[in-house]
Structures are given as structure tokens and as C-alpha cells.
């Protein structure tokens, strides 16, 4: 079955706004969101190939060196589905965009080919 990478996105300014809320509000959102996230995982367990990976601050490596950077990537998960529409449909009710301050979930086909054999 085809595999798809779903990347959770979150604008840096939305993270700042969330962290500016009262601590009790943040904790309430976290509790509700994590409960809903676990329920989402249970409902979609058959499609999930790799567990969610959430990420922190970024260090970018370029030809010029290594430096702090910002992007909108909050994490990712790999799922299996019949096609990209079915894969995207899995995320319509996802708590990342319905409870947490995530702004989107980008769903892309995994186009990785078979591993190349290394010479002995």
C-alpha cells in the first residue's frame, strides 16, 4: 500500500501566542489535545506506519555553516492509504489543527525507492 508523510506545521507566531496564554489555559488545551490525539491514533492505528515524531528548535546546516533557524515543521507521521486523498482524509479531524495551535498538516507521497545495495 502507498505510504504518505504527514508533516505537522505551526507558525512560530502561533506558538508564541499559545505560550502567552495563562498557564492554566495552556495545560487545559494540552490535556484535551493529548487525549484527542491518543483517540485519533487509536482510530487510525491500522494506517499508521511510524509513530508521531515531534520536533524542537532547528539548527540549519548550509554551505556557509551552521546556525539557528526557524521553520513551520512541528513534527511528522508516516501513514499508509490507498491514495493521497485517502491519506489526507485521515487528518481532517486531527487535534493538531482542531485543538492545538497548528496551522496545517501537509500530506505528501513517500517516493523513496528501494534501498540500494551497497557493494561488499
PDB file of N, CA and C in Angstrom:
ATOM      1  N   UNK A   1       0.857  -1.177   0.000  1.00  0.00           N
ATOM      2  CA  UNK A   1       0.000   0.000   0.000  1.00  0.00           C
ATOM      3  C   UNK A   1       0.905   1.244   0.000  1.00  0.00           C
ATOM      4  N   UNK A   2       0.518   2.287  -0.733  1.00  0.00           N
ATOM      5  CA  UNK A   2       1.330   3.513  -0.770  1.00  0.00           C
ATOM      6  C   UNK A   2       1.470   4.160   0.613  1.00  0.00           C
ATOM      7  N   UNK A   3       2.637   4.773   0.817  1.00  0.00           N
ATOM      8  CA  UNK A   3       2.912   5.465   2.079  1.00  0.00           C
ATOM      9  C   UNK A   3       2.933   6.973   1.851  1.00  0.00           C
ATOM     10  N   UNK A   4       2.551   7.690   2.905  1.00  0.00           N
ATOM     11  CA  UNK A   4       2.492   9.146   2.847  1.00  0.00           C
ATOM     12  C   UNK A   4       3.098   9.725   4.115  1.00  0.00           C
ATOM     13  N   UNK A   5       3.821  10.828   3.947  1.00  0.00           N
ATOM     14  CA  UNK A   5       4.387  11.547   5.082  1.00  0.00           C
ATOM     15  C   UNK A   5       3.455  12.723   5.364  1.00  0.00           C
ATOM     16  N   UNK A   6       3.009  12.827   6.591  1.00  0.00           N
ATOM     17  CA  UNK A   6       2.160  13.946   7.004  1.00  0.00           C
ATOM     18  C   UNK A   6       2.992  14.817   7.943  1.00  0.00           C
ATOM     19  N   UNK A   7       3.243  16.062   7.522  1.00  0.00           N
ATOM     20  CA  UNK A   7       4.074  16.982   8.287  1.00  0.00           C
ATOM     21  C   UNK A   7       3.163  17.978   9.004  1.00  0.00           C
ATOM     22  N   UNK A   8       3.286  18.007  10.326  1.00  0.00           N
ATOM     23  CA  UNK A   8       2.511  18.947  11.134  1.00  0.00           C
ATOM     24  C   UNK A   8       3.208  20.303  11.077  1.00  0.00           C
ATOM     25  N   UNK A   9       2.464  21.357  10.699  1.00  0.00           N
ATOM     26  CA  UNK A   9       3.057  22.689  10.635  1.00  0.00           C
ATOM     27  C   UNK A   9       2.432  23.609  11.674  1.00  0.00           C
ATOM     28  N   UNK A  10       3.257  24.550  12.137  1.00  0.00           N
ATOM     29  CA  UNK A  10       2.802  25.507  13.136  1.00  0.00           C
ATOM     30  C   UNK A  10       3.620  26.783  12.954  1.00  0.00           C
ATOM     31  N   UNK A  11       2.946  27.895  12.772  1.00  0.00           N
ATOM     32  CA  UNK A  11       3.636  29.167  12.597  1.00  0.00           C
ATOM     33  C   UNK A  11       4.304  29.575  13.902  1.00  0.00           C
ATOM     34  N   UNK A  12       5.545  30.060  13.833  1.00  0.00           N
ATOM     35  CA  UNK A  12       6.230  30.486  15.071  1.00  0.00           C
ATOM     36  C   UNK A  12       5.418  31.495  15.884  1.00  0.00           C
ATOM     37  N   UNK A  13       4.730  32.396  15.229  1.00  0.00           N
ATOM     38  CA  UNK A  13       3.937  33.391  15.969  1.00  0.00           C
ATOM     39  C   UNK A  13       2.745  32.755  16.689  1.00  0.00           C
ATOM     40  N   UNK A  14       2.240  31.634  16.166  1.00  0.00           N
ATOM     41  CA  UNK A  14       1.144  30.929  16.848  1.00  0.00           C
ATOM     42  C   UNK A  14       1.648  30.226  18.105  1.00  0.00           C
ATOM     43  N   UNK A  15       2.884  29.732  18.056  1.00  0.00           N
ATOM     44  CA  UNK A  15       3.487  29.128  19.240  1.00  0.00           C
ATOM     45  C   UNK A  15       3.665  30.197  20.318  1.00  0.00           C
ATOM     46  N   UNK A  16       4.168  31.369  19.915  1.00  0.00           N
ATOM     47  CA  UNK A  16       4.370  32.477  20.858  1.00  0.00           C
ATOM     48  C   UNK A  16       3.036  32.879  21.484  1.00  0.00           C
ATOM     49  N   UNK A  17       1.984  32.989  20.664  1.00  0.00           N
ATOM     50  CA  UNK A  17       0.660  33.369  21.177  1.00  0.00           C
ATOM     51  C   UNK A  17       0.133  32.318  22.152  1.00  0.00           C
ATOM     52  N   UNK A  18       0.351  31.040  21.834  1.00  0.00           N
ATOM     53  CA  UNK A  18      -0.093  29.967  22.724  1.00  0.00           C
ATOM     54  C   UNK A  18       0.636  30.050  24.065  1.00  0.00           C
ATOM     55  N   UNK A  19       1.951  30.247  24.005  1.00  0.00           N
ATOM     56  CA  UNK A  19       2.757  30.324  25.231  1.00  0.00           C
ATOM     57  C   UNK A  19       2.459  31.585  26.044  1.00  0.00           C
ATOM     58  N   UNK A  20       1.834  32.589  25.432  1.00  0.00           N
ATOM     59  CA  UNK A  20       1.471  33.821  26.145  1.00  0.00           C
ATOM     60  C   UNK A  20       0.165  33.668  26.929  1.00  0.00           C
ATOM     61  N   UNK A  21      -0.590  32.605  26.646  1.00  0.00           N
ATOM     62  CA  UNK A  21      -1.839  32.355  27.381  1.00  0.00           C
ATOM     63  C   UNK A  21      -1.517  32.006  28.831  1.00  0.00           C
ATOM     64  N   UNK A  22      -2.475  32.189  29.706  1.00  0.00           N
ATOM     65  CA  UNK A  22      -2.254  31.770  31.099  1.00  0.00           C
ATOM     66  C   UNK A  22      -1.897  30.280  31.158  1.00  0.00           C
ATOM     67  N   UNK A  23      -1.028  29.927  32.071  1.00  0.00           N
ATOM     68  CA  UNK A  23      -0.547  28.555  32.219  1.00  0.00           C
ATOM     69  C   UNK A  23      -1.702  27.558  32.346  1.00  0.00           C
ATOM     70  N   UNK A  24      -2.732  27.927  33.098  1.00  0.00           N
ATOM     71  CA  UNK A  24      -3.870  27.028  33.290  1.00  0.00           C
ATOM     72  C   UNK A  24      -4.584  26.754  31.963  1.00  0.00           C
ATOM     73  N   UNK A  25      -4.648  27.767  31.100  1.00  0.00           N
ATOM     74  CA  UNK A  25      -5.277  27.590  29.780  1.00  0.00           C
ATOM     75  C   UNK A  25      -4.435  26.666  28.906  1.00  0.00           C
ATOM     76  N   UNK A  26      -3.128  26.881  28.915  1.00  0.00           N
ATOM     77  CA  UNK A  26      -2.225  26.024  28.143  1.00  0.00           C
ATOM     78  C   UNK A  26      -2.354  24.566  28.584  1.00  0.00           C
ATOM     79  N   UNK A  27      -2.379  24.355  29.888  1.00  0.00           N
ATOM     80  CA  UNK A  27      -2.479  22.995  30.419  1.00  0.00           C
ATOM     81  C   UNK A  27      -3.806  22.343  30.059  1.00  0.00           C
ATOM     82  N   UNK A  28      -4.884  23.127  30.081  1.00  0.00           N
ATOM     83  CA  UNK A  28      -6.204  22.589  29.703  1.00  0.00           C
ATOM     84  C   UNK A  28      -6.214  22.186  28.227  1.00  0.00           C
ATOM     85  N   UNK A  29      -5.626  23.022  27.383  1.00  0.00           N
ATOM     86  CA  UNK A  29      -5.546  22.704  25.948  1.00  0.00           C
ATOM     87  C   UNK A  29      -4.678  21.470  25.742  1.00  0.00           C
ATOM     88  N   UNK A  30      -3.547  21.410  26.446  1.00  0.00           N
ATOM     89  CA  UNK A  30      -2.670  20.237  26.333  1.00  0.00           C
ATOM     90  C   UNK A  30      -3.393  18.953  26.740  1.00  0.00           C
ATOM     91  N   UNK A  31      -4.118  18.990  27.861  1.00  0.00           N
ATOM     92  CA  UNK A  31      -4.848  17.788  28.319  1.00  0.00           C
ATOM     93  C   UNK A  31      -5.874  17.345  27.275  1.00  0.00           C
ATOM     94  N   UNK A  32      -6.683  18.293  26.821  1.00  0.00           N
ATOM     95  CA  UNK A  32      -7.717  17.960  25.829  1.00  0.00           C
ATOM     96  C   UNK A  32      -7.083  17.490  24.521  1.00  0.00           C
ATOM     97  N   UNK A  33      -6.023  18.177  24.107  1.00  0.00           N
ATOM     98  CA  UNK A  33      -5.366  17.833  22.849  1.00  0.00           C
ATOM     99  C   UNK A  33      -4.705  16.476  22.877  1.00  0.00           C
ATOM    100  N   UNK A  34      -4.010  16.174  23.959  1.00  0.00           N
ATOM    101  CA  UNK A  34      -3.334  14.875  24.058  1.00  0.00           C
ATOM    102  C   UNK A  34      -4.334  13.723  24.129  1.00  0.00           C
ATOM    103  N   UNK A  35      -5.441  13.945  24.830  1.00  0.00           N
ATOM    104  CA  UNK A  35      -6.494  12.925  24.887  1.00  0.00           C
ATOM    105  C   UNK A  35      -7.052  12.685  23.480  1.00  0.00           C
ATOM    106  N   UNK A  36      -7.353  13.755  22.767  1.00  0.00           N
ATOM    107  CA  UNK A  36      -7.889  13.638  21.410  1.00  0.00           C
ATOM    108  C   UNK A  36      -6.861  13.023  20.463  1.00  0.00           C
ATOM    109  N   UNK A  37      -5.591  13.372  20.649  1.00  0.00           N
ATOM    110  CA  UNK A  37      -4.517  12.822  19.800  1.00  0.00           C
ATOM    111  C   UNK A  37      -4.426  11.311  20.000  1.00  0.00           C
ATOM    112  N   UNK A  38      -4.462  10.860  21.240  1.00  0.00           N
ATOM    113  CA  UNK A  38      -4.430   9.418  21.516  1.00  0.00           C
ATOM    114  C   UNK A  38      -5.626   8.715  20.898  1.00  0.00           C
ATOM    115  N   UNK A  39      -6.801   9.336  20.980  1.00  0.00           N
ATOM    116  CA  UNK A  39      -8.005   8.752  20.375  1.00  0.00           C
ATOM    117  C   UNK A  39      -7.859   8.687  18.852  1.00  0.00           C
ATOM    118  N   UNK A  40      -7.293   9.759  18.262  1.00  0.00           N
ATOM    119  CA  UNK A  40      -7.065   9.778  16.813  1.00  0.00           C
ATOM    120  C   UNK A  40      -6.129   8.623  16.430  1.00  0.00           C
ATOM    121  N   UNK A  41      -5.061   8.438  17.202  1.00  0.00           N
ATOM    122  CA  UNK A  41      -4.103   7.358  16.926  1.00  0.00           C
ATOM    123  C   UNK A  41      -4.779   5.994  16.997  1.00  0.00           C
ATOM    124  N   UNK A  42      -5.634   5.789  17.980  1.00  0.00           N
ATOM    125  CA  UNK A  42      -6.338   4.511  18.105  1.00  0.00           C
ATOM    126  C   UNK A  42      -7.262   4.277  16.907  1.00  0.00           C
ATOM    127  N   UNK A  43      -8.009   5.331  16.497  1.00  0.00           N
ATOM    128  CA  UNK A  43      -8.925   5.196  15.352  1.00  0.00           C
ATOM    129  C   UNK A  43      -8.183   4.895  14.062  1.00  0.00           C
ATOM    130  N   UNK A  44      -6.966   5.383  13.937  1.00  0.00           N
ATOM    131  CA  UNK A  44      -6.215   5.265  12.691  1.00  0.00           C
ATOM    132  C   UNK A  44      -5.016   4.332  12.800  1.00  0.00           C
ATOM    133  N   UNK A  45      -4.985   3.496  13.828  1.00  0.00           N
ATOM    134  CA  UNK A  45      -3.834   2.617  14.087  1.00  0.00           C
ATOM    135  C   UNK A  45      -3.464   1.759  12.883  1.00  0.00           C
ATOM    136  N   UNK A  46      -4.440   1.278  12.154  1.00  0.00           N
ATOM    137  CA  UNK A  46      -4.146   0.405  11.009  1.00  0.00           C
ATOM    138  C   UNK A  46      -3.401   1.134   9.902  1.00  0.00           C
ATOM    139  N   UNK A  47      -3.538   2.454   9.836  1.00  0.00           N
ATOM    140  CA  UNK A  47      -2.888   3.229   8.778  1.00  0.00           C
ATOM    141  C   UNK A  47      -1.525   3.776   9.191  1.00  0.00           C
ATOM    142  N   UNK A  48      -1.246   3.824  10.479  1.00  0.00           N
ATOM    143  CA  UNK A  48      -0.010   4.444  10.959  1.00  0.00           C
ATOM    144  C   UNK A  48       1.148   3.463  10.828  1.00  0.00           C
ATOM    145  N   UNK A  49       2.159   3.876  10.053  1.00  0.00           N
ATOM    146  CA  UNK A  49       3.335   3.046   9.803  1.00  0.00           C
ATOM    147  C   UNK A  49       4.431   3.347  10.820  1.00  0.00           C
ATOM    148  N   UNK A  50       4.597   4.614  11.153  1.00  0.00           N
ATOM    149  CA  UNK A  50       5.620   5.035  12.114  1.00  0.00           C
ATOM    150  C   UNK A  50       4.972   6.011  13.085  1.00  0.00           C
ATOM    151  N   UNK A  51       5.317   5.885  14.347  1.00  0.00           N
ATOM    152  CA  UNK A  51       4.735   6.752  15.372  1.00  0.00           C
ATOM    153  C   UNK A  51       5.069   8.218  15.105  1.00  0.00           C
ATOM    154  N   UNK A  52       4.220   9.103  15.638  1.00  0.00           N
ATOM    155  CA  UNK A  52       4.466  10.533  15.519  1.00  0.00           C
ATOM    156  C   UNK A  52       5.857  10.888  16.017  1.00  0.00           C
ATOM    157  N   UNK A  53       6.489  11.794  15.308  1.00  0.00           N
ATOM    158  CA  UNK A  53       7.765  12.354  15.735  1.00  0.00           C
ATOM    159  C   UNK A  53       7.544  13.858  15.847  1.00  0.00           C
ATOM    160  N   UNK A  54       7.678  14.392  17.043  1.00  0.00           N
ATOM    161  CA  UNK A  54       7.540  15.832  17.242  1.00  0.00           C
ATOM    162  C   UNK A  54       8.951  16.406  17.369  1.00  0.00           C
ATOM    163  N   UNK A  55       9.152  17.619  16.846  1.00  0.00           N
ATOM    164  CA  UNK A  55      10.492  18.202  16.808  1.00  0.00           C
ATOM    165  C   UNK A  55      10.558  19.526  17.554  1.00  0.00           C
ATOM    166  N   UNK A  56      11.759  19.898  17.946  1.00  0.00           N
ATOM    167  CA  UNK A  56      12.002  21.144  18.665  1.00  0.00           C
ATOM    168  C   UNK A  56      12.715  22.162  17.778  1.00  0.00           C
ATOM    169  N   UNK A  57      13.522  22.989  18.419  1.00  0.00           N
ATOM    170  CA  UNK A  57      14.213  24.085  17.720  1.00  0.00           C
ATOM    171  C   UNK A  57      15.165  23.553  16.648  1.00  0.00           C
ATOM    172  N   UNK A  58      15.356  24.366  15.627  1.00  0.00           N
ATOM    173  CA  UNK A  58      16.097  23.982  14.430  1.00  0.00           C
ATOM    174  C   UNK A  58      17.501  24.572  14.387  1.00  0.00           C
ATOM    175  N   UNK A  59      18.446  23.771  13.946  1.00  0.00           N
ATOM    176  CA  UNK A  59      19.781  24.239  13.562  1.00  0.00           C
ATOM    177  C   UNK A  59      19.901  23.893  12.086  1.00  0.00           C
ATOM    178  N   UNK A  60      20.179  24.878  11.256  1.00  0.00           N
ATOM    179  CA  UNK A  60      20.254  24.662   9.806  1.00  0.00           C
ATOM    180  C   UNK A  60      21.717  24.573   9.386  1.00  0.00           C
ATOM    181  N   UNK A  61      22.012  23.578   8.563  1.00  0.00           N
ATOM    182  CA  UNK A  61      23.350  23.383   8.023  1.00  0.00           C
ATOM    183  C   UNK A  61      23.328  23.801   6.559  1.00  0.00           C
ATOM    184  N   UNK A  62      24.195  24.750   6.201  1.00  0.00           N
ATOM    185  CA  UNK A  62      24.319  25.203   4.813  1.00  0.00           C
ATOM    186  C   UNK A  62      25.796  25.209   4.430  1.00  0.00           C
ATOM    187  N   UNK A  63      26.083  25.569   3.196  1.00  0.00           N
ATOM    188  CA  UNK A  63      27.476  25.683   2.757  1.00  0.00           C
ATOM    189  C   UNK A  63      28.220  26.734   3.574  1.00  0.00           C
ATOM    190  N   UNK A  64      27.464  27.697   4.119  1.00  0.00           N
ATOM    191  CA  UNK A  64      28.070  28.780   4.904  1.00  0.00           C
ATOM    192  C   UNK A  64      28.325  28.387   6.351  1.00  0.00           C
ATOM    193  N   UNK A  65      27.765  27.279   6.805  1.00  0.00           N
ATOM    194  CA  UNK A  65      27.975  26.851   8.179  1.00  0.00           C
ATOM    195  C   UNK A  65      26.703  26.391   8.849  1.00  0.00           C
ATOM    196  N   UNK A  66      26.698  26.465  10.173  1.00  0.00           N
ATOM    197  CA  UNK A  66      25.577  26.004  10.997  1.00  0.00           C
ATOM    198  C   UNK A  66      25.056  27.180  11.801  1.00  0.00           C
ATOM    199  N   UNK A  67      23.718  27.350  11.803  1.00  0.00           N
ATOM    200  CA  UNK A  67      23.128  28.476  12.532  1.00  0.00           C
ATOM    201  C   UNK A  67      21.714  28.122  12.974  1.00  0.00           C
ATOM    202  N   UNK A  68      21.230  28.854  13.990  1.00  0.00           N
ATOM    203  CA  UNK A  68      19.842  28.719  14.401  1.00  0.00           C
ATOM    204  C   UNK A  68      18.945  29.093  13.233  1.00  0.00           C
ATOM    205  N   UNK A  69      17.796  28.451  13.139  1.00  0.00           N
ATOM    206  CA  UNK A  69      16.855  28.735  12.052  1.00  0.00           C
ATOM    207  C   UNK A  69      15.437  28.529  12.563  1.00  0.00           C
ATOM    208  N   UNK A  70      14.479  29.015  11.801  1.00  0.00           N
ATOM    209  CA  UNK A  70      13.066  28.795  12.108  1.00  0.00           C
ATOM    210  C   UNK A  70      12.386  28.201  10.898  1.00  0.00           C
ATOM    211  N   UNK A  71      11.455  27.322  11.149  1.00  0.00           N
ATOM    212  CA  UNK A  71      10.586  26.805  10.098  1.00  0.00           C
ATOM    213  C   UNK A  71       9.252  26.476  10.744  1.00  0.00           C
ATOM    214  N   UNK A  72       8.333  26.001   9.973  1.00  0.00           N
ATOM    215  CA  UNK A  72       6.998  25.702  10.500  1.00  0.00           C
ATOM    216  C   UNK A  72       6.803  24.229  10.814  1.00  0.00           C
ATOM    217  N   UNK A  73       7.844  23.429  10.741  1.00  0.00           N
ATOM    218  CA  UNK A  73       7.706  21.994  10.985  1.00  0.00           C
ATOM    219  C   UNK A  73       7.633  21.729  12.482  1.00  0.00           C
ATOM    220  N   UNK A  74       6.549  21.093  12.903  1.00  0.00           N
ATOM    221  CA  UNK A  74       6.356  20.742  14.309  1.00  0.00           C
ATOM    222  C   UNK A  74       6.561  19.245  14.532  1.00  0.00           C
ATOM    223  N   UNK A  75       6.437  18.444  13.462  1.00  0.00           N
ATOM    224  CA  UNK A  75       6.601  17.009  13.579  1.00  0.00           C
ATOM    225  C   UNK A  75       6.078  16.315  12.336  1.00  0.00           C
ATOM    226  N   UNK A  76       6.057  14.977  12.382  1.00  0.00           N
ATOM    227  CA  UNK A  76       5.548  14.228  11.235  1.00  0.00           C
ATOM    228  C   UNK A  76       5.133  12.829  11.662  1.00  0.00           C
ATOM    229  N   UNK A  77       4.378  12.193  10.789  1.00  0.00           N
ATOM    230  CA  UNK A  77       3.980  10.797  10.956  1.00  0.00           C
ATOM    231  C   UNK A  77       3.923  10.189   9.560  1.00  0.00           C
ATOM    232  N   UNK A  78       4.125   8.888   9.457  1.00  0.00           N
ATOM    233  CA  UNK A  78       4.015   8.186   8.176  1.00  0.00           C
ATOM    234  C   UNK A  78       2.805   7.269   8.242  1.00  0.00           C
ATOM    235  N   UNK A  79       1.962   7.373   7.218  1.00  0.00           N
ATOM    236  CA  UNK A  79       0.749   6.555   7.163  1.00  0.00           C
ATOM    237  C   UNK A  79       0.667   5.823   5.832  1.00  0.00           C
ATOM    238  N   UNK A  80      -0.144   4.783   5.804  1.00  0.00           N
ATOM    239  CA  UNK A  80      -0.458   4.076   4.568  1.00  0.00           C
ATOM    240  C   UNK A  80      -1.911   4.349   4.221  1.00  0.00           C
ATOM    241  N   UNK A  81      -2.164   4.530   2.940  1.00  0.00           N
ATOM    242  CA  UNK A  81      -3.535   4.748   2.464  1.00  0.00           C
ATOM    243  C   UNK A  81      -3.588   4.398   0.984  1.00  0.00           C
ATOM    244  N   UNK A  82      -4.787   4.222   0.468  1.00  0.00           N
ATOM    245  CA  UNK A  82      -4.965   3.849  -0.934  1.00  0.00           C
ATOM    246  C   UNK A  82      -4.419   4.912  -1.881  1.00  0.00           C
ATOM    247  N   UNK A  83      -4.595   6.190  -1.524  1.00  0.00           N
ATOM    248  CA  UNK A  83      -4.099   7.285  -2.354  1.00  0.00           C
ATOM    249  C   UNK A  83      -3.961   8.538  -1.486  1.00  0.00           C
ATOM    250  N   UNK A  84      -3.497   9.624  -2.088  1.00  0.00           N
ATOM    251  CA  UNK A  84      -3.234  10.836  -1.315  1.00  0.00           C
ATOM    252  C   UNK A  84      -4.520  11.442  -0.737  1.00  0.00           C
ATOM    253  N   UNK A  85      -5.626  11.309  -1.438  1.00  0.00           N
ATOM    254  CA  UNK A  85      -6.889  11.837  -0.905  1.00  0.00           C
ATOM    255  C   UNK A  85      -7.313  11.077   0.354  1.00  0.00           C
ATOM    256  N   UNK A  86      -7.157   9.752   0.317  1.00  0.00           N
ATOM    257  CA  UNK A  86      -7.494   8.952   1.498  1.00  0.00           C
ATOM    258  C   UNK A  86      -6.537   9.279   2.649  1.00  0.00           C
ATOM    259  N   UNK A  87      -5.264   9.472   2.327  1.00  0.00           N
ATOM    260  CA  UNK A  87      -4.289   9.819   3.369  1.00  0.00           C
ATOM    261  C   UNK A  87      -4.637  11.172   3.984  1.00  0.00           C
ATOM    262  N   UNK A  88      -4.920  12.159   3.153  1.00  0.00           N
ATOM    263  CA  UNK A  88      -5.274  13.489   3.667  1.00  0.00           C
ATOM    264  C   UNK A  88      -6.553  13.424   4.502  1.00  0.00           C
ATOM    265  N   UNK A  89      -7.494  12.600   4.090  1.00  0.00           N
ATOM    266  CA  UNK A  89      -8.754  12.468   4.817  1.00  0.00           C
ATOM    267  C   UNK A  89      -8.571  11.980   6.250  1.00  0.00           C
ATOM    268  N   UNK A  90      -7.499  11.224   6.493  1.00  0.00           N
ATOM    269  CA  UNK A  90      -7.236  10.747   7.855  1.00  0.00           C
ATOM    270  C   UNK A  90      -7.033  11.897   8.837  1.00  0.00           C
ATOM    271  N   UNK A  91      -6.614  13.063   8.335  1.00  0.00           N
ATOM    272  CA  UNK A  91      -6.203  14.162   9.197  1.00  0.00           C
ATOM    273  C   UNK A  91      -7.238  15.275   9.346  1.00  0.00           C
ATOM    274  N   UNK A  92      -8.407  15.142   8.716  1.00  0.00           N
ATOM    275  CA  UNK A  92      -9.409  16.199   8.786  1.00  0.00           C
ATOM    276  C   UNK A  92      -9.827  16.544  10.206  1.00  0.00           C
ATOM    277  N   UNK A  93      -9.868  15.557  11.078  1.00  0.00           N
ATOM    278  CA  UNK A  93     -10.306  15.806  12.458  1.00  0.00           C
ATOM    279  C   UNK A  93      -9.142  15.764  13.441  1.00  0.00           C
ATOM    280  N   UNK A  94      -7.926  15.925  12.947  1.00  0.00           N
ATOM    281  CA  UNK A  94      -6.744  15.782  13.798  1.00  0.00           C
ATOM    282  C   UNK A  94      -6.627  16.932  14.798  1.00  0.00           C
ATOM    283  N   UNK A  95      -6.301  16.630  16.049  1.00  0.00           N
ATOM    284  CA  UNK A  95      -6.192  17.657  17.091  1.00  0.00           C
ATOM    285  C   UNK A  95      -5.094  18.688  16.850  1.00  0.00           C
ATOM    286  N   UNK A  96      -4.105  18.364  16.017  1.00  0.00           N
ATOM    287  CA  UNK A  96      -3.056  19.352  15.735  1.00  0.00           C
ATOM    288  C   UNK A  96      -3.664  20.639  15.179  1.00  0.00           C
ATOM    289  N   UNK A  97      -4.709  20.497  14.366  1.00  0.00           N
ATOM    290  CA  UNK A  97      -5.348  21.686  13.773  1.00  0.00           C
ATOM    291  C   UNK A  97      -6.689  22.035  14.416  1.00  0.00           C
ATOM    292  N   UNK A  98      -7.242  21.126  15.199  1.00  0.00           N
ATOM    293  CA  UNK A  98      -8.552  21.388  15.791  1.00  0.00           C
ATOM    294  C   UNK A  98      -8.518  21.756  17.273  1.00  0.00           C
ATOM    295  N   UNK A  99      -7.413  21.474  17.952  1.00  0.00           N
ATOM    296  CA  UNK A  99      -7.290  21.815  19.373  1.00  0.00           C
ATOM    297  C   UNK A  99      -6.007  22.612  19.614  1.00  0.00           C
ATOM    298  N   UNK A 100      -4.884  22.071  19.155  1.00  0.00           N
ATOM    299  CA  UNK A 100      -3.604  22.754  19.310  1.00  0.00           C
ATOM    300  C   UNK A 100      -3.501  23.900  18.300  1.00  0.00           C
ATOM    301  N   UNK A 101      -2.518  24.789  18.446  1.00  0.00           N
ATOM    302  CA  UNK A 101      -2.426  25.924  17.520  1.00  0.00           C
ATOM    303  C   UNK A 101      -1.731  25.604  16.198  1.00  0.00           C
ATOM    304  N   UNK A 102      -1.779  24.356  15.766  1.00  0.00           N
ATOM    305  CA  UNK A 102      -1.188  24.002  14.476  1.00  0.00           C
ATOM    306  C   UNK A 102      -1.953  24.648  13.340  1.00  0.00           C
ATOM    307  N   UNK A 103      -1.239  25.048  12.285  1.00  0.00           N
ATOM    308  CA  UNK A 103      -1.929  25.715  11.183  1.00  0.00           C
ATOM    309  C   UNK A 103      -2.201  24.802  10.004  1.00  0.00           C
ATOM    310  N   UNK A 104      -1.564  23.626   9.979  1.00  0.00           N
ATOM    311  CA  UNK A 104      -1.833  22.728   8.871  1.00  0.00           C
ATOM    312  C   UNK A 104      -1.129  21.399   9.016  1.00  0.00           C
ATOM    313  N   UNK A 105      -1.477  20.487   8.125  1.00  0.00           N
ATOM    314  CA  UNK A 105      -0.826  19.184   8.031  1.00  0.00           C
ATOM    315  C   UNK A 105      -0.620  18.935   6.537  1.00  0.00           C
ATOM    316  N   UNK A 106       0.634  18.955   6.119  1.00  0.00           N
ATOM    317  CA  UNK A 106       0.964  18.726   4.717  1.00  0.00           C
ATOM    318  C   UNK A 106       1.138  17.230   4.490  1.00  0.00           C
ATOM    319  N   UNK A 107       0.383  16.671   3.551  1.00  0.00           N
ATOM    320  CA  UNK A 107       0.430  15.240   3.260  1.00  0.00           C
ATOM    321  C   UNK A 107       1.078  15.053   1.888  1.00  0.00           C
ATOM    322  N   UNK A 108       2.148  14.245   1.863  1.00  0.00           N
ATOM    323  CA  UNK A 108       2.922  14.045   0.639  1.00  0.00           C
ATOM    324  C   UNK A 108       3.217  12.569   0.442  1.00  0.00           C
ATOM    325  N   UNK A 109       3.237  12.107  -0.806  1.00  0.00           N
ATOM    326  CA  UNK A 109       3.594  10.709  -1.035  1.00  0.00           C
ATOM    327  C   UNK A 109       5.057  10.455  -0.685  1.00  0.00           C
ATOM    328  N   UNK A 110       5.325   9.294  -0.134  1.00  0.00           N
ATOM    329  CA  UNK A 110       6.692   8.840   0.098  1.00  0.00           C
ATOM    330  C   UNK A 110       7.156   8.255  -1.230  1.00  0.00           C
ATOM    331  N   UNK A 111       8.137   8.892  -1.843  1.00  0.00           N
ATOM    332  CA  UNK A 111       8.612   8.434  -3.153  1.00  0.00           C
ATOM    333  C   UNK A 111       9.977   7.762  -3.065  1.00  0.00           C
ATOM    334  N   UNK A 112      10.357   7.386  -1.850  1.00  0.00           N
ATOM    335  CA  UNK A 112      11.625   6.705  -1.646  1.00  0.00           C
ATOM    336  C   UNK A 112      11.589   5.364  -2.361  1.00  0.00           C
ATOM    337  N   UNK A 113      12.609   5.111  -3.127  1.00  0.00           N
ATOM    338  CA  UNK A 113      12.696   3.825  -3.816  1.00  0.00           C
ATOM    339  C   UNK A 113      13.279   2.771  -2.895  1.00  0.00           C
ATOM    340  N   UNK A 114      13.438   1.572  -3.406  1.00  0.00           N
ATOM    341  CA  UNK A 114      14.029   0.519  -2.585  1.00  0.00           C
ATOM    342  C   UNK A 114      15.461   0.897  -2.218  1.00  0.00           C
ATOM    343  N   UNK A 115      15.933   0.437  -1.077  1.00  0.00           N
ATOM    344  CA  UNK A 115      17.318   0.756  -0.691  1.00  0.00           C
ATOM    345  C   UNK A 115      18.310   0.200  -1.694  1.00  0.00           C
ATOM    346  N   UNK A 116      19.325   0.969  -1.968  1.00  0.00           N
ATOM    347  CA  UNK A 116      20.363   0.498  -2.884  1.00  0.00           C
ATOM    348  C   UNK A 116      21.248  -0.495  -2.151  1.00  0.00           C
ATOM    349  N   UNK A 117      21.656  -1.508  -2.871  1.00  0.00           N
ATOM    350  CA  UNK A 117      22.568  -2.466  -2.256  1.00  0.00           C
ATOM    351  C   UNK A 117      23.957  -1.852  -2.238  1.00  0.00           C
ATOM    352  N   UNK A 118      24.630  -1.990  -1.125  1.00  0.00           N
ATOM    353  CA  UNK A 118      25.982  -1.461  -1.008  1.00  0.00           C
ATOM    354  C   UNK A 118      26.967  -2.532  -1.472  1.00  0.00           C
ATOM    355  N   UNK A 119      27.970  -2.090  -2.203  1.00  0.00           N
ATOM    356  CA  UNK A 119      28.974  -3.091  -2.634  1.00  0.00           C
ATOM    357  C   UNK A 119      29.721  -3.672  -1.442  1.00  0.00           C
ATOM    358  N   UNK A 120      30.110  -4.899  -1.554  1.00  0.00           N
ATOM    359  CA  UNK A 120      30.828  -5.574  -0.464  1.00  0.00           C
ATOM    360  C   UNK A 120      32.231  -5.050  -0.326  1.00  0.00           C
TER     361      UNK A 120
END
